[in-house]
Amino acid sequence: MSWGNNSLNNCPYASANFENEDAQQPVAALFDISGSGNDTVYSTATNTIVASTIDDMKNKTMSEFPKVVDWKKRLREFLSKKNTDLLDFLNLSVTSHPTLGKGDALLWKFNNKKLIPYAGLVKNAVMDISGADIFSEMKGALLQFRTENSVADFKATIQYVYDQYRKGGDAILTAERTLKMKLDVFDKIQKSIVGLLELESTSSTNELMEASEKYLGDIFEKNQIQTAYEELIAAYRKFVVLREFIMMLRVVQSNENEPLCTICLDRSVSHCINPCGHTFCEQCLKRQMNICFMCRTHVENTIRLYFS
């Protein structure tokens, strides 16, 4: 069967005659420079592209050359990092606990990793102040004095305890002196840095800054305080335990005797510290660093004591 023109025109299923797709777009689309659906003007689109390109060029160029930093700012940043490194061992993060996390600095202050087998646990993050290990050490040492002569054993035991106590006191004074010497170095550096930062910048400033940075780096490295700090805390801890032994022995002493110095246990007390009131002999008093040996109170002045 053949189809005529009239039949084709009258057919309800004749193919559609669509217009050109571009012709159906709105006129504003012709100015969509960025392709984002906005009729951005040419100048704005071009300026945006240029600005983006320039930023990329700047970033690449700056990465190829070292950034010029003000020497005072650089020196401050250097000191800040060194200060952080110097005192980093005092920081302990216990962030997993909502309450103890706020007191992490206090926890670490009394921490000693050598004495704590599970330092990762919060309950073990504080130094064992019970002195259990020191008592155990003393018990083992005193076993050597168990012989058939009980009187000689008793005298030897007392002498050993007193000797250990005196050594403990000397260890504290030595550790305290070492720590103070290191801290004095940093105190002097602080004063020098303040004067250095007040200097006016010149053509030789960069050379001065680089030399100062190298010198300060060597000083910080040489005067690490962690070991001295830990030795001082450990010495105090042992001394406190040994003092309990001594106090038990001293209760049998006659009240008529003049009180002995609590450090050397050899000489009579001669001076009193103000304001805490602790007493020492003259020799041991001179060895202290303006801080009371017993309670760590700052010494304002000393008072001579007379017992007659």
C-alpha atoms as a PDB file:
ATOM      1  CA  MET A   1       0.000   0.000   0.000  1.00  0.00           C
ATOM      2  CA  SER A   2       1.317   3.381  -0.935  1.00  0.00           C
ATOM      3  CA  TRP A   3       1.066   6.526   1.102  1.00  0.00           C
ATOM      4  CA  GLY A   4       0.331   9.838  -0.498  1.00  0.00           C
ATOM      5  CA  ASN A   5       1.250  13.289   0.686  1.00  0.00           C
ATOM      6  CA  ASN A   6      -2.214  13.870   2.010  1.00  0.00           C
ATOM      7  CA  SER A   7      -2.068  10.648   3.964  1.00  0.00           C
ATOM      8  CA  LEU A   8       1.289  11.605   5.518  1.00  0.00           C
ATOM      9  CA  ASN A   9       0.036  14.988   6.561  1.00  0.00           C
ATOM     10  CA  ASN A  10      -3.110  13.560   8.059  1.00  0.00           C
ATOM     11  CA  CYS A  11      -1.271  10.796  10.035  1.00  0.00           C
ATOM     12  CA  PRO A  12      -1.449  11.372  13.784  1.00  0.00           C
ATOM     13  CA  TYR A  13       1.970   9.647  14.234  1.00  0.00           C
ATOM     14  CA  ALA A  14       4.017  11.864  11.971  1.00  0.00           C
ATOM     15  CA  SER A  15       7.637  12.670  13.151  1.00  0.00           C
ATOM     16  CA  ALA A  16       8.063  15.886  15.150  1.00  0.00           C
ATOM     17  CA  ASN A  17       9.918  18.801  13.658  1.00  0.00           C
ATOM     18  CA  PHE A  18      12.056  20.143  16.648  1.00  0.00           C
ATOM     19  CA  GLU A  19      13.663  23.533  16.433  1.00  0.00           C
ATOM     20  CA  ASN A  20      17.427  24.051  16.982  1.00  0.00           C
ATOM     21  CA  GLU A  21      18.367  23.474  20.695  1.00  0.00           C
ATOM     22  CA  ASP A  22      20.559  26.578  20.953  1.00  0.00           C
ATOM     23  CA  ALA A  23      17.740  28.672  19.611  1.00  0.00           C
ATOM     24  CA  GLN A  24      15.566  27.636  22.562  1.00  0.00           C
ATOM     25  CA  GLN A  25      18.086  28.848  25.244  1.00  0.00           C
ATOM     26  CA  PRO A  26      17.478  32.233  26.917  1.00  0.00           C
ATOM     27  CA  VAL A  27      19.499  35.151  25.692  1.00  0.00           C
ATOM     28  CA  ALA A  28      21.248  35.506  29.088  1.00  0.00           C
ATOM     29  CA  ALA A  29      22.850  32.092  28.619  1.00  0.00           C
ATOM     30  CA  LEU A  30      24.933  33.508  25.813  1.00  0.00           C
ATOM     31  CA  PHE A  31      26.858  35.550  28.403  1.00  0.00           C
ATOM     32  CA  ASP A  32      27.475  32.668  30.844  1.00  0.00           C
ATOM     33  CA  ILE A  33      31.233  32.969  30.609  1.00  0.00           C
ATOM     34  CA  SER A  34      32.000  30.716  33.563  1.00  0.00           C
ATOM     35  CA  GLY A  35      29.434  28.076  32.701  1.00  0.00           C
ATOM     36  CA  SER A  36      27.917  28.251  36.167  1.00  0.00           C
ATOM     37  CA  GLY A  37      24.550  29.533  35.054  1.00  0.00           C
ATOM     38  CA  ASN A  38      25.214  33.204  35.761  1.00  0.00           C
ATOM     39  CA  ASP A  39      25.287  35.963  33.206  1.00  0.00           C
ATOM     40  CA  THR A  40      28.678  37.195  34.446  1.00  0.00           C
ATOM     41  CA  VAL A  41      30.026  40.119  32.501  1.00  0.00           C
ATOM     42  CA  TYR A  42      33.265  39.651  30.638  1.00  0.00           C
ATOM     43  CA  SER A  43      35.335  42.026  32.759  1.00  0.00           C
ATOM     44  CA  THR A  44      34.337  40.381  36.043  1.00  0.00           C
ATOM     45  CA  ALA A  45      34.955  36.876  34.760  1.00  0.00           C
ATOM     46  CA  THR A  46      38.304  37.815  33.287  1.00  0.00           C
ATOM     47  CA  ASN A  47      39.458  39.666  36.409  1.00  0.00           C
ATOM     48  CA  THR A  48      38.536  36.683  38.574  1.00  0.00           C
ATOM     49  CA  ILE A  49      40.541  34.303  36.407  1.00  0.00           C
ATOM     50  CA  VAL A  50      43.520  36.656  36.341  1.00  0.00           C
ATOM     51  CA  ALA A  51      43.441  37.094  40.126  1.00  0.00           C
ATOM     52  CA  SER A  52      43.316  33.330  40.637  1.00  0.00           C
ATOM     53  CA  THR A  53      46.248  32.822  38.282  1.00  0.00           C
ATOM     54  CA  ILE A  54      48.305  35.510  40.016  1.00  0.00           C
ATOM     55  CA  ASP A  55      47.661  33.945  43.426  1.00  0.00           C
ATOM     56  CA  ASP A  56      48.858  30.591  42.124  1.00  0.00           C
ATOM     57  CA  MET A  57      51.974  32.241  40.741  1.00  0.00           C
ATOM     58  CA  LYS A  58      52.668  33.989  44.064  1.00  0.00           C
ATOM     59  CA  ASN A  59      52.264  30.826  46.088  1.00  0.00           C
ATOM     60  CA  LYS A  60      54.603  28.892  43.827  1.00  0.00           C
ATOM     61  CA  THR A  61      57.169  31.662  43.791  1.00  0.00           C
ATOM     62  CA  MET A  62      57.097  32.041  47.591  1.00  0.00           C
ATOM     63  CA  SER A  63      57.621  28.309  48.013  1.00  0.00           C
ATOM     64  CA  GLU A  64      60.782  28.496  45.924  1.00  0.00           C
ATOM     65  CA  PHE A  65      62.410  31.073  48.210  1.00  0.00           C
ATOM     66  CA  PRO A  66      62.803  31.130  52.018  1.00  0.00           C
ATOM     67  CA  LYS A  67      60.290  33.320  53.777  1.00  0.00           C
ATOM     68  CA  VAL A  68      61.815  36.481  55.227  1.00  0.00           C
ATOM     69  CA  VAL A  69      60.780  36.704  58.874  1.00  0.00           C
ATOM     70  CA  ASP A  70      61.422  39.604  61.190  1.00  0.00           C
ATOM     71  CA  TRP A  71      64.458  38.651  63.255  1.00  0.00           C
ATOM     72  CA  LYS A  72      62.806  39.520  66.553  1.00  0.00           C
ATOM     73  CA  LYS A  73      59.794  37.372  65.696  1.00  0.00           C
ATOM     74  CA  ARG A  74      62.052  34.532  64.622  1.00  0.00           C
ATOM     75  CA  LEU A  75      64.042  34.763  67.837  1.00  0.00           C
ATOM     76  CA  ARG A  76      60.861  34.714  69.924  1.00  0.00           C
ATOM     77  CA  GLU A  77      59.585  31.671  68.031  1.00  0.00           C
ATOM     78  CA  PHE A  78      62.939  29.960  68.540  1.00  0.00           C
ATOM     79  CA  LEU A  79      62.896  30.628  72.293  1.00  0.00           C
ATOM     80  CA  SER A  80      59.278  29.533  72.553  1.00  0.00           C
ATOM     81  CA  LYS A  81      60.125  26.185  70.990  1.00  0.00           C
ATOM     82  CA  LYS A  82      63.184  25.750  73.187  1.00  0.00           C
ATOM     83  CA  ASN A  83      61.162  26.574  76.301  1.00  0.00           C
ATOM     84  CA  THR A  84      58.577  24.000  75.281  1.00  0.00           C
ATOM     85  CA  ASP A  85      61.261  21.373  74.707  1.00  0.00           C
ATOM     86  CA  LEU A  86      62.929  22.241  78.007  1.00  0.00           C
ATOM     87  CA  LEU A  87      59.786  21.719  80.087  1.00  0.00           C
ATOM     88  CA  ASP A  88      58.119  19.097  77.913  1.00  0.00           C
ATOM     89  CA  PHE A  89      58.910  16.319  80.377  1.00  0.00           C
ATOM     90  CA  LEU A  90      56.658  18.025  82.938  1.00  0.00           C
ATOM     91  CA  ASN A  91      53.584  17.633  80.731  1.00  0.00           C
ATOM     92  CA  LEU A  92      51.352  14.598  80.898  1.00  0.00           C
ATOM     93  CA  SER A  93      48.230  14.174  78.792  1.00  0.00           C
ATOM     94  CA  VAL A  94      45.396  12.400  80.578  1.00  0.00           C
ATOM     95  CA  THR A  95      42.747  13.686  78.191  1.00  0.00           C
ATOM     96  CA  SER A  96      40.794  10.423  78.262  1.00  0.00           C
ATOM     97  CA  HIS A  97      39.560  11.292  81.758  1.00  0.00           C
ATOM     98  CA  PRO A  98      37.138  14.240  81.883  1.00  0.00           C
ATOM     99  CA  THR A  99      38.264  15.358  85.349  1.00  0.00           C
ATOM    100  CA  LEU A 100      41.906  14.352  85.657  1.00  0.00           C
ATOM    101  CA  GLY A 101      42.609  15.752  82.222  1.00  0.00           C
ATOM    102  CA  LYS A 102      42.428  19.239  83.711  1.00  0.00           C
ATOM    103  CA  GLY A 103      45.056  18.412  86.297  1.00  0.00           C
ATOM    104  CA  ASP A 104      47.589  16.697  84.067  1.00  0.00           C
ATOM    105  CA  ALA A 105      50.389  19.138  84.921  1.00  0.00           C
ATOM    106  CA  LEU A 106      49.939  18.459  88.644  1.00  0.00           C
ATOM    107  CA  LEU A 107      49.950  14.711  88.081  1.00  0.00           C
ATOM    108  CA  TRP A 108      53.156  14.817  86.073  1.00  0.00           C
ATOM    109  CA  LYS A 109      54.852  16.984  88.687  1.00  0.00           C
ATOM    110  CA  PHE A 110      55.038  14.002  91.037  1.00  0.00           C
ATOM    111  CA  ASN A 111      55.520  11.374  88.360  1.00  0.00           C
ATOM    112  CA  ASN A 112      58.545   9.114  88.094  1.00  0.00           C
ATOM    113  CA  LYS A 113      58.528   6.671  85.194  1.00  0.00           C
ATOM    114  CA  LYS A 114      61.225   4.516  86.799  1.00  0.00           C
ATOM    115  CA  LEU A 115      58.928   3.767  89.735  1.00  0.00           C
ATOM    116  CA  ILE A 116      55.723   3.285  87.739  1.00  0.00           C
ATOM    117  CA  PRO A 117      55.479   0.094  85.639  1.00  0.00           C
ATOM    118  CA  TYR A 118      52.154   1.121  84.096  1.00  0.00           C
ATOM    119  CA  ALA A 119      52.507   4.873  83.673  1.00  0.00           C
ATOM    120  CA  GLY A 120      49.845   4.851  80.960  1.00  0.00           C
ATOM    121  CA  LEU A 121      47.096   4.300  83.522  1.00  0.00           C
ATOM    122  CA  VAL A 122      45.645   7.282  85.314  1.00  0.00           C
ATOM    123  CA  LYS A 123      45.829   5.626  88.726  1.00  0.00           C
ATOM    124  CA  ASN A 124      49.559   5.068  88.221  1.00  0.00           C
ATOM    125  CA  ALA A 125      50.296   8.516  86.811  1.00  0.00           C
ATOM    126  CA  VAL A 126      51.244   9.870  90.243  1.00  0.00           C
ATOM    127  CA  MET A 127      54.428   8.936  92.070  1.00  0.00           C
ATOM    128  CA  ASP A 128      53.974   6.307  94.756  1.00  0.00           C
ATOM    129  CA  ILE A 129      54.448   8.451  97.850  1.00  0.00           C
ATOM    130  CA  SER A 130      53.876   5.507 100.178  1.00  0.00           C
ATOM    131  CA  GLY A 131      57.597   4.722 100.015  1.00  0.00           C
ATOM    132  CA  ALA A 132      56.907   1.003  99.765  1.00  0.00           C
ATOM    133  CA  ASP A 133      59.893   0.345  97.542  1.00  0.00           C
ATOM    134  CA  ILE A 134      62.222   2.336  99.830  1.00  0.00           C
ATOM    135  CA  PHE A 135      61.052   0.375 102.872  1.00  0.00           C
ATOM    136  CA  SER A 136      61.641  -2.823 100.926  1.00  0.00           C
ATOM    137  CA  GLU A 137      65.134  -1.648  99.987  1.00  0.00           C
ATOM    138  CA  MET A 138      65.952  -0.791 103.603  1.00  0.00           C
ATOM    139  CA  LYS A 139      64.601  -4.116 104.818  1.00  0.00           C
ATOM    140  CA  GLY A 140      66.859  -5.986 102.428  1.00  0.00           C
ATOM    141  CA  ALA A 141      69.882  -3.911 103.425  1.00  0.00           C
ATOM    142  CA  LEU A 142      69.310  -4.437 107.156  1.00  0.00           C
ATOM    143  CA  LEU A 143      69.278  -8.212 106.773  1.00  0.00           C
ATOM    144  CA  GLN A 144      73.075  -8.109 106.623  1.00  0.00           C
ATOM    145  CA  PHE A 145      73.170  -7.152 110.307  1.00  0.00           C
ATOM    146  CA  ARG A 146      71.424 -10.299 111.538  1.00  0.00           C
ATOM    147  CA  THR A 147      74.057 -12.186 113.491  1.00  0.00           C
ATOM    148  CA  GLU A 148      74.199 -13.954 116.809  1.00  0.00           C
ATOM    149  CA  ASN A 149      75.336 -10.784 118.559  1.00  0.00           C
ATOM    150  CA  SER A 150      72.064  -8.875 118.879  1.00  0.00           C
ATOM    151  CA  VAL A 151      73.631  -5.859 120.616  1.00  0.00           C
ATOM    152  CA  ALA A 152      76.197  -5.393 117.869  1.00  0.00           C
ATOM    153  CA  ASP A 153      73.460  -5.875 115.282  1.00  0.00           C
ATOM    154  CA  PHE A 154      71.368  -3.145 116.882  1.00  0.00           C
ATOM    155  CA  LYS A 155      74.261  -0.675 116.942  1.00  0.00           C
ATOM    156  CA  ALA A 156      75.192  -1.490 113.341  1.00  0.00           C
ATOM    157  CA  THR A 157      71.579  -1.074 112.246  1.00  0.00           C
ATOM    158  CA  ILE A 158      71.268   2.345 113.865  1.00  0.00           C
ATOM    159  CA  GLN A 159      74.580   3.472 112.386  1.00  0.00           C
ATOM    160  CA  TYR A 160      73.520   2.291 108.924  1.00  0.00           C
ATOM    161  CA  VAL A 161      70.189   4.132 109.085  1.00  0.00           C
ATOM    162  CA  TYR A 162      71.866   7.344 110.222  1.00  0.00           C
ATOM    163  CA  ASP A 163      74.466   7.076 107.468  1.00  0.00           C
ATOM    164  CA  GLN A 164      71.788   6.575 104.820  1.00  0.00           C
ATOM    165  CA  TYR A 165      69.863   9.537 106.192  1.00  0.00           C
ATOM    166  CA  ARG A 166      72.901  11.793 106.002  1.00  0.00           C
ATOM    167  CA  LYS A 167      73.649  10.611 102.478  1.00  0.00           C
ATOM    168  CA  GLY A 168      70.038  11.313 101.559  1.00  0.00           C
ATOM    169  CA  GLY A 169      70.337  14.860 102.860  1.00  0.00           C
ATOM    170  CA  ASP A 170      73.556  15.402 100.926  1.00  0.00           C
ATOM    171  CA  ALA A 171      71.914  14.012  97.779  1.00  0.00           C
ATOM    172  CA  ILE A 172      69.093  16.541  98.071  1.00  0.00           C
ATOM    173  CA  LEU A 173      71.446  19.470  98.557  1.00  0.00           C
ATOM    174  CA  THR A 174      73.580  18.344  95.610  1.00  0.00           C
ATOM    175  CA  ALA A 175      70.589  17.824  93.311  1.00  0.00           C
ATOM    176  CA  GLU A 176      69.098  21.139  94.373  1.00  0.00           C
ATOM    177  CA  ARG A 177      72.363  22.949  93.712  1.00  0.00           C
ATOM    178  CA  THR A 178      72.671  21.338  90.264  1.00  0.00           C
ATOM    179  CA  LEU A 179      69.124  22.281  89.311  1.00  0.00           C
ATOM    180  CA  LYS A 180      69.574  25.830  90.575  1.00  0.00           C
ATOM    181  CA  MET A 181      72.775  26.278  88.569  1.00  0.00           C
ATOM    182  CA  LYS A 182      70.976  25.249  85.387  1.00  0.00           C
ATOM    183  CA  LEU A 183      68.017  27.512  86.116  1.00  0.00           C
ATOM    184  CA  ASP A 184      70.363  30.412  86.869  1.00  0.00           C
ATOM    185  CA  VAL A 185      71.761  30.042  83.352  1.00  0.00           C
ATOM    186  CA  PHE A 186      68.292  30.470  81.872  1.00  0.00           C
ATOM    187  CA  ASP A 187      67.596  33.439  84.135  1.00  0.00           C
ATOM    188  CA  LYS A 188      70.726  35.143  82.785  1.00  0.00           C
ATOM    189  CA  ILE A 189      69.737  34.286  79.222  1.00  0.00           C
ATOM    190  CA  GLN A 190      66.325  35.833  79.752  1.00  0.00           C
ATOM    191  CA  LYS A 191      67.878  39.163  80.748  1.00  0.00           C
ATOM    192  CA  SER A 192      70.222  39.069  77.757  1.00  0.00           C
ATOM    193  CA  ILE A 193      67.396  38.289  75.343  1.00  0.00           C
ATOM    194  CA  VAL A 194      65.363  41.227  76.616  1.00  0.00           C
ATOM    195  CA  GLY A 195      68.277  43.538  75.838  1.00  0.00           C
ATOM    196  CA  LEU A 196      68.808  41.895  72.450  1.00  0.00           C
ATOM    197  CA  LEU A 197      65.191  42.401  71.416  1.00  0.00           C
ATOM    198  CA  GLU A 198      65.449  46.097  72.233  1.00  0.00           C
ATOM    199  CA  LEU A 199      68.247  46.635  69.712  1.00  0.00           C
ATOM    200  CA  GLU A 200      67.534  48.531  66.517  1.00  0.00           C
ATOM    201  CA  SER A 201      67.660  46.552  63.272  1.00  0.00           C
ATOM    202  CA  THR A 202      70.676  47.171  61.032  1.00  0.00           C
ATOM    203  CA  SER A 203      72.301  45.545  58.023  1.00  0.00           C
ATOM    204  CA  SER A 204      74.105  43.161  60.383  1.00  0.00           C
ATOM    205  CA  THR A 205      70.986  42.123  62.298  1.00  0.00           C
ATOM    206  CA  ASN A 206      70.524  38.827  60.452  1.00  0.00           C
ATOM    207  CA  GLU A 207      74.086  37.760  61.225  1.00  0.00           C
ATOM    208  CA  LEU A 208      73.566  38.631  64.888  1.00  0.00           C
ATOM    209  CA  MET A 209      70.303  36.706  64.983  1.00  0.00           C
ATOM    210  CA  GLU A 210      71.796  33.581  63.405  1.00  0.00           C
ATOM    211  CA  ALA A 211      74.765  33.623  65.787  1.00  0.00           C
ATOM    212  CA  SER A 212      72.462  34.178  68.782  1.00  0.00           C
ATOM    213  CA  GLU A 213      70.172  31.367  67.686  1.00  0.00           C
ATOM    214  CA  LYS A 214      73.068  28.919  67.412  1.00  0.00           C
ATOM    215  CA  TYR A 215      74.494  29.978  70.773  1.00  0.00           C
ATOM    216  CA  LEU A 216      71.144  29.709  72.543  1.00  0.00           C
ATOM    217  CA  GLY A 217      70.515  26.325  70.964  1.00  0.00           C
ATOM    218  CA  ASP A 218      73.779  25.043  72.425  1.00  0.00           C
ATOM    219  CA  ILE A 219      72.941  26.497  75.843  1.00  0.00           C
ATOM    220  CA  PHE A 220      69.493  24.884  75.943  1.00  0.00           C
ATOM    221  CA  GLU A 221      70.952  21.563  74.844  1.00  0.00           C
ATOM    222  CA  LYS A 222      73.724  21.695  77.446  1.00  0.00           C
ATOM    223  CA  ASN A 223      71.458  22.672  80.352  1.00  0.00           C
ATOM    224  CA  GLN A 224      68.593  20.202  80.095  1.00  0.00           C
ATOM    225  CA  ILE A 225      66.857  20.193  83.480  1.00  0.00           C
ATOM    226  CA  GLN A 226      64.926  16.923  83.260  1.00  0.00           C
ATOM    227  CA  THR A 227      67.631  14.743  84.822  1.00  0.00           C
ATOM    228  CA  ALA A 228      68.359  17.233  87.607  1.00  0.00           C
ATOM    229  CA  TYR A 229      64.644  17.627  88.328  1.00  0.00           C
ATOM    230  CA  GLU A 230      64.015  13.882  88.516  1.00  0.00           C
ATOM    231  CA  GLU A 231      67.063  13.358  90.738  1.00  0.00           C
ATOM    232  CA  LEU A 232      65.866  16.062  93.128  1.00  0.00           C
ATOM    233  CA  ILE A 233      62.355  14.595  93.387  1.00  0.00           C
ATOM    234  CA  ALA A 234      63.702  11.062  93.862  1.00  0.00           C
ATOM    235  CA  ALA A 235      66.147  12.254  96.537  1.00  0.00           C
ATOM    236  CA  TYR A 236      63.379  14.023  98.448  1.00  0.00           C
ATOM    237  CA  ARG A 237      61.196  10.966  98.250  1.00  0.00           C
ATOM    238  CA  LYS A 238      63.896   8.724  99.716  1.00  0.00           C
ATOM    239  CA  PHE A 239      64.776  11.296 102.359  1.00  0.00           C
ATOM    240  CA  VAL A 240      61.171  11.478 103.585  1.00  0.00           C
ATOM    241  CA  VAL A 241      61.090   7.718 104.106  1.00  0.00           C
ATOM    242  CA  LEU A 242      64.463   7.658 105.869  1.00  0.00           C
ATOM    243  CA  ARG A 243      63.315  10.481 108.107  1.00  0.00           C
ATOM    244  CA  GLU A 244      60.563   8.212 109.451  1.00  0.00           C
ATOM    245  CA  PHE A 245      63.257   5.772 110.593  1.00  0.00           C
ATOM    246  CA  ILE A 246      65.191   8.561 112.265  1.00  0.00           C
ATOM    247  CA  MET A 247      62.147   9.956 114.051  1.00  0.00           C
ATOM    248  CA  MET A 248      61.476   6.537 115.578  1.00  0.00           C
ATOM    249  CA  LEU A 249      65.043   6.399 116.866  1.00  0.00           C
ATOM    250  CA  ARG A 250      65.074   9.923 118.227  1.00  0.00           C
ATOM    251  CA  VAL A 251      62.147   9.366 120.591  1.00  0.00           C
ATOM    252  CA  VAL A 252      64.469   7.446 122.880  1.00  0.00           C
ATOM    253  CA  GLN A 253      66.931  10.314 123.156  1.00  0.00           C
ATOM    254  CA  SER A 254      67.077  12.273 126.376  1.00  0.00           C
ATOM    255  CA  ASN A 255      65.191  15.540 126.463  1.00  0.00           C
ATOM    256  CA  GLU A 256      68.175  17.084 128.231  1.00  0.00           C
ATOM    257  CA  ASN A 257      70.287  16.897 125.094  1.00  0.00           C
ATOM    258  CA  GLU A 258      70.328  19.811 122.723  1.00  0.00           C
ATOM    259  CA  PRO A 259      68.334  19.086 119.551  1.00  0.00           C
ATOM    260  CA  LEU A 260      70.380  17.881 116.600  1.00  0.00           C
ATOM    261  CA  CYS A 261      70.358  19.306 113.109  1.00  0.00           C
ATOM    262  CA  THR A 262      67.772  17.502 111.007  1.00  0.00           C
ATOM    263  CA  ILE A 263      70.152  17.284 108.039  1.00  0.00           C
ATOM    264  CA  CYS A 264      73.503  16.086 109.364  1.00  0.00           C
ATOM    265  CA  LEU A 265      72.276  14.616 112.698  1.00  0.00           C
ATOM    266  CA  ASP A 266      75.725  15.395 114.025  1.00  0.00           C
ATOM    267  CA  ARG A 267      75.789  19.026 115.168  1.00  0.00           C
ATOM    268  CA  SER A 268      73.363  20.853 117.436  1.00  0.00           C
ATOM    269  CA  VAL A 269      70.917  23.303 115.909  1.00  0.00           C
ATOM    270  CA  SER A 270      72.055  26.906 116.025  1.00  0.00           C
ATOM    271  CA  HIS A 271      69.701  28.820 113.737  1.00  0.00           C
ATOM    272  CA  CYS A 272      66.004  29.072 113.046  1.00  0.00           C
ATOM    273  CA  ILE A 273      64.535  29.925 109.643  1.00  0.00           C
ATOM    274  CA  ASN A 274      61.888  32.618 109.356  1.00  0.00           C
ATOM    275  CA  PRO A 275      58.963  32.277 108.696  1.00  0.00           C
ATOM    276  CA  CYS A 276      58.606  28.459 108.772  1.00  0.00           C
ATOM    277  CA  GLY A 277      60.551  27.933 112.027  1.00  0.00           C
ATOM    278  CA  HIS A 278      62.646  24.900 111.042  1.00  0.00           C
ATOM    279  CA  THR A 279      66.036  24.665 112.755  1.00  0.00           C
ATOM    280  CA  PHE A 280      69.469  23.659 111.434  1.00  0.00           C
ATOM    281  CA  CYS A 281      73.111  23.833 112.361  1.00  0.00           C
ATOM    282  CA  GLU A 282      75.172  26.686 110.954  1.00  0.00           C
ATOM    283  CA  GLN A 283      77.038  24.545 108.411  1.00  0.00           C
ATOM    284  CA  CYS A 284      73.931  22.953 106.904  1.00  0.00           C
ATOM    285  CA  LEU A 285      72.139  26.289 106.883  1.00  0.00           C
ATOM    286  CA  LYS A 286      74.841  27.779 104.649  1.00  0.00           C
ATOM    287  CA  ARG A 287      74.379  24.987 102.109  1.00  0.00           C
ATOM    288  CA  GLN A 288      70.734  25.782 101.476  1.00  0.00           C
ATOM    289  CA  MET A 289      69.624  27.906  98.515  1.00  0.00           C
ATOM    290  CA  ASN A 290      67.307  30.460 100.160  1.00  0.00           C
ATOM    291  CA  ILE A 291      64.660  27.742 100.439  1.00  0.00           C
ATOM    292  CA  CYS A 292      63.898  25.738 103.566  1.00  0.00           C
ATOM    293  CA  PHE A 293      65.253  22.221 103.268  1.00  0.00           C
ATOM    294  CA  MET A 294      62.246  20.694 105.017  1.00  0.00           C
ATOM    295  CA  CYS A 295      59.173  22.541 103.716  1.00  0.00           C
ATOM    296  CA  ARG A 296      60.447  24.434 100.628  1.00  0.00           C
ATOM    297  CA  THR A 297      59.364  27.792 102.080  1.00  0.00           C
ATOM    298  CA  HIS A 298      61.280  30.857 100.901  1.00  0.00           C
ATOM    299  CA  VAL A 299      63.727  32.025 103.571  1.00  0.00           C
ATOM    300  CA  GLU A 300      63.242  35.651 104.586  1.00  0.00           C
ATOM    301  CA  ASN A 301      65.914  35.655 107.290  1.00  0.00           C
ATOM    302  CA  THR A 302      67.525  33.462 109.942  1.00  0.00           C
ATOM    303  CA  ILE A 303      67.564  33.777 113.732  1.00  0.00           C
ATOM    304  CA  ARG A 304      70.371  32.679 116.038  1.00  0.00           C
ATOM    305  CA  LEU A 305      69.237  30.268 118.782  1.00  0.00           C
ATOM    306  CA  TYR A 306      70.534  30.019 122.362  1.00  0.00           C
ATOM    307  CA  PHE A 307      69.685  27.190 124.765  1.00  0.00           C
ATOM    308  CA  SER A 308      71.155  28.579 127.996  1.00  0.00           C
END
